[in-house]
Each structure stands twice: as structure tokens, then as C-alpha cells.
N, C-alpha and C. Protein backbone atom coordinates (compact mmCIF):
# COMPACT_ATOMS: atom_id res chain seq x y z
N MET A 1 -29.70 -16.83 -13.93
CA MET A 1 -28.32 -16.99 -13.47
C MET A 1 -28.36 -17.54 -12.05
N LYS A 2 -27.51 -18.50 -11.78
CA LYS A 2 -27.47 -19.08 -10.44
C LYS A 2 -26.87 -18.11 -9.44
N PHE A 3 -27.25 -18.32 -8.20
CA PHE A 3 -26.75 -17.46 -7.12
C PHE A 3 -25.23 -17.55 -7.00
N GLU A 4 -24.67 -18.76 -7.09
CA GLU A 4 -23.23 -18.95 -6.95
C GLU A 4 -22.47 -18.24 -8.06
N THR A 5 -23.00 -18.31 -9.28
CA THR A 5 -22.34 -17.65 -10.41
C THR A 5 -22.36 -16.14 -10.23
N LEU A 6 -23.47 -15.62 -9.78
CA LEU A 6 -23.58 -14.18 -9.55
C LEU A 6 -22.61 -13.74 -8.46
N MET A 7 -22.53 -14.50 -7.38
CA MET A 7 -21.61 -14.16 -6.30
C MET A 7 -20.16 -14.22 -6.75
N LEU A 8 -19.81 -15.22 -7.54
CA LEU A 8 -18.44 -15.36 -8.02
C LEU A 8 -18.07 -14.22 -8.97
N GLN A 9 -18.98 -13.84 -9.85
CA GLN A 9 -18.69 -12.74 -10.76
C GLN A 9 -18.61 -11.41 -10.01
N SER A 10 -19.44 -11.25 -8.99
CA SER A 10 -19.38 -10.03 -8.18
C SER A 10 -18.06 -9.96 -7.42
N LEU A 11 -17.63 -11.08 -6.87
CA LEU A 11 -16.35 -11.12 -6.15
C LEU A 11 -15.19 -10.80 -7.09
N PHE A 12 -15.23 -11.35 -8.28
CA PHE A 12 -14.18 -11.06 -9.26
C PHE A 12 -14.16 -9.58 -9.60
N ALA A 13 -15.32 -8.98 -9.80
CA ALA A 13 -15.40 -7.57 -10.15
C ALA A 13 -14.87 -6.69 -9.02
N VAL A 14 -15.21 -7.03 -7.79
CA VAL A 14 -14.75 -6.24 -6.64
C VAL A 14 -13.23 -6.38 -6.47
N CYS A 15 -12.71 -7.58 -6.62
CA CYS A 15 -11.26 -7.79 -6.49
C CYS A 15 -10.50 -7.05 -7.59
N LEU A 16 -11.04 -7.08 -8.79
CA LEU A 16 -10.40 -6.35 -9.89
C LEU A 16 -10.42 -4.85 -9.64
N LEU A 17 -11.53 -4.35 -9.13
CA LEU A 17 -11.63 -2.93 -8.82
C LEU A 17 -10.64 -2.53 -7.73
N VAL A 18 -10.51 -3.35 -6.69
CA VAL A 18 -9.56 -3.05 -5.61
C VAL A 18 -8.13 -3.05 -6.14
N CYS A 19 -7.81 -4.01 -6.99
CA CYS A 19 -6.46 -4.07 -7.55
C CYS A 19 -6.17 -2.86 -8.43
N VAL A 20 -7.12 -2.45 -9.24
CA VAL A 20 -6.92 -1.30 -10.12
C VAL A 20 -6.78 -0.02 -9.29
N LEU A 21 -7.59 0.13 -8.26
CA LEU A 21 -7.49 1.32 -7.42
C LEU A 21 -6.17 1.35 -6.65
N THR A 22 -5.72 0.21 -6.16
CA THR A 22 -4.45 0.15 -5.45
C THR A 22 -3.29 0.46 -6.38
N PHE A 23 -3.32 -0.10 -7.57
CA PHE A 23 -2.27 0.16 -8.55
C PHE A 23 -2.26 1.63 -8.95
N GLY A 24 -3.42 2.20 -9.16
CA GLY A 24 -3.51 3.62 -9.49
C GLY A 24 -3.00 4.51 -8.38
N ALA A 25 -3.30 4.14 -7.13
CA ALA A 25 -2.81 4.93 -6.00
C ALA A 25 -1.30 4.85 -5.88
N MET A 26 -0.73 3.68 -6.17
CA MET A 26 0.73 3.55 -6.11
C MET A 26 1.41 4.37 -7.20
N LEU A 27 0.78 4.49 -8.35
CA LEU A 27 1.39 5.24 -9.45
C LEU A 27 1.25 6.75 -9.28
N THR A 28 0.20 7.20 -8.63
CA THR A 28 -0.05 8.64 -8.57
C THR A 28 0.49 9.31 -7.31
N THR A 29 0.79 8.56 -6.26
CA THR A 29 1.28 9.21 -5.04
C THR A 29 2.79 9.40 -5.11
N SER A 30 3.25 10.43 -4.44
CA SER A 30 4.69 10.66 -4.36
C SER A 30 5.25 9.87 -3.18
N SER A 31 6.48 9.45 -3.31
CA SER A 31 7.08 8.64 -2.27
C SER A 31 7.59 9.52 -1.13
N ALA A 32 7.16 9.21 0.08
CA ALA A 32 7.58 9.96 1.25
C ALA A 32 8.59 9.16 2.07
N ALA A 33 9.00 7.99 1.60
CA ALA A 33 9.91 7.14 2.36
C ALA A 33 11.29 7.79 2.55
N PRO A 34 11.91 8.38 1.54
CA PRO A 34 13.23 8.99 1.79
C PRO A 34 13.17 10.09 2.84
N ASN A 35 12.10 10.89 2.85
CA ASN A 35 11.98 11.94 3.87
C ASN A 35 11.82 11.34 5.26
N ALA A 36 11.05 10.29 5.37
CA ALA A 36 10.85 9.65 6.67
C ALA A 36 12.14 9.03 7.17
N VAL A 37 12.89 8.40 6.27
CA VAL A 37 14.16 7.80 6.66
C VAL A 37 15.16 8.87 7.05
N ALA A 38 15.20 9.97 6.32
CA ALA A 38 16.13 11.05 6.63
C ALA A 38 15.79 11.71 7.96
N ASN A 39 14.51 11.81 8.27
CA ASN A 39 14.12 12.45 9.53
C ASN A 39 14.47 11.58 10.73
N HIS A 40 14.47 10.25 10.57
CA HIS A 40 14.75 9.36 11.69
C HIS A 40 16.21 8.94 11.77
N ALA A 41 17.02 9.29 10.79
CA ALA A 41 18.41 8.85 10.78
C ALA A 41 19.21 9.41 11.96
N PRO A 42 19.12 10.69 12.29
CA PRO A 42 19.90 11.19 13.46
C PRO A 42 19.50 10.51 14.76
N VAL A 43 18.22 10.21 14.92
CA VAL A 43 17.76 9.54 16.14
C VAL A 43 18.33 8.13 16.20
N ALA A 44 18.34 7.43 15.09
CA ALA A 44 18.88 6.07 15.07
C ALA A 44 20.39 6.08 15.31
N ALA A 45 21.07 7.08 14.78
CA ALA A 45 22.52 7.18 14.98
C ALA A 45 22.86 7.50 16.44
N SER A 46 22.10 8.39 17.04
CA SER A 46 22.39 8.75 18.43
C SER A 46 22.02 7.61 19.38
N ASN A 47 20.99 6.83 19.06
CA ASN A 47 20.63 5.70 19.91
C ASN A 47 21.69 4.58 19.84
N SER A 48 22.24 4.34 18.65
CA SER A 48 23.22 3.26 18.51
C SER A 48 24.56 3.65 19.13
N SER A 49 24.92 4.93 19.10
CA SER A 49 26.19 5.34 19.69
C SER A 49 26.11 5.45 21.20
N ALA A 50 24.93 5.61 21.75
CA ALA A 50 24.76 5.76 23.19
C ALA A 50 24.91 4.44 23.93
N SER A 51 24.68 3.30 23.24
CA SER A 51 24.75 2.03 23.97
C SER A 51 26.08 1.36 23.87
């Protein structure tokens, strides 16, 4: 097997693994965005009313 072919197949395998792991992490984690937005909402409201 040529060196270039081996490198290309290895790169494809690594990219596929990263994509699968990222997709799996997105599906299994709980979303913390609403809590973060709710925690910062009073600060954003008080900053906008102060100016």
C-alpha cells in the first residue's frame, strides 16, 4: 500500500471517529443553555435599564 493511500485512509478514519464522538456527545449531554440564560437575564435587564 502506498504511503499516500495509507495517510488518506487514516485521516478519513480519524475524521469519522471525531464526528461520531461529537455527535454522540451532543445526543447524550443535557442542555445547560436555558439555565445559563436564566441566570444572566437579571444582570442583562439591570444593565440595559441603567443606561
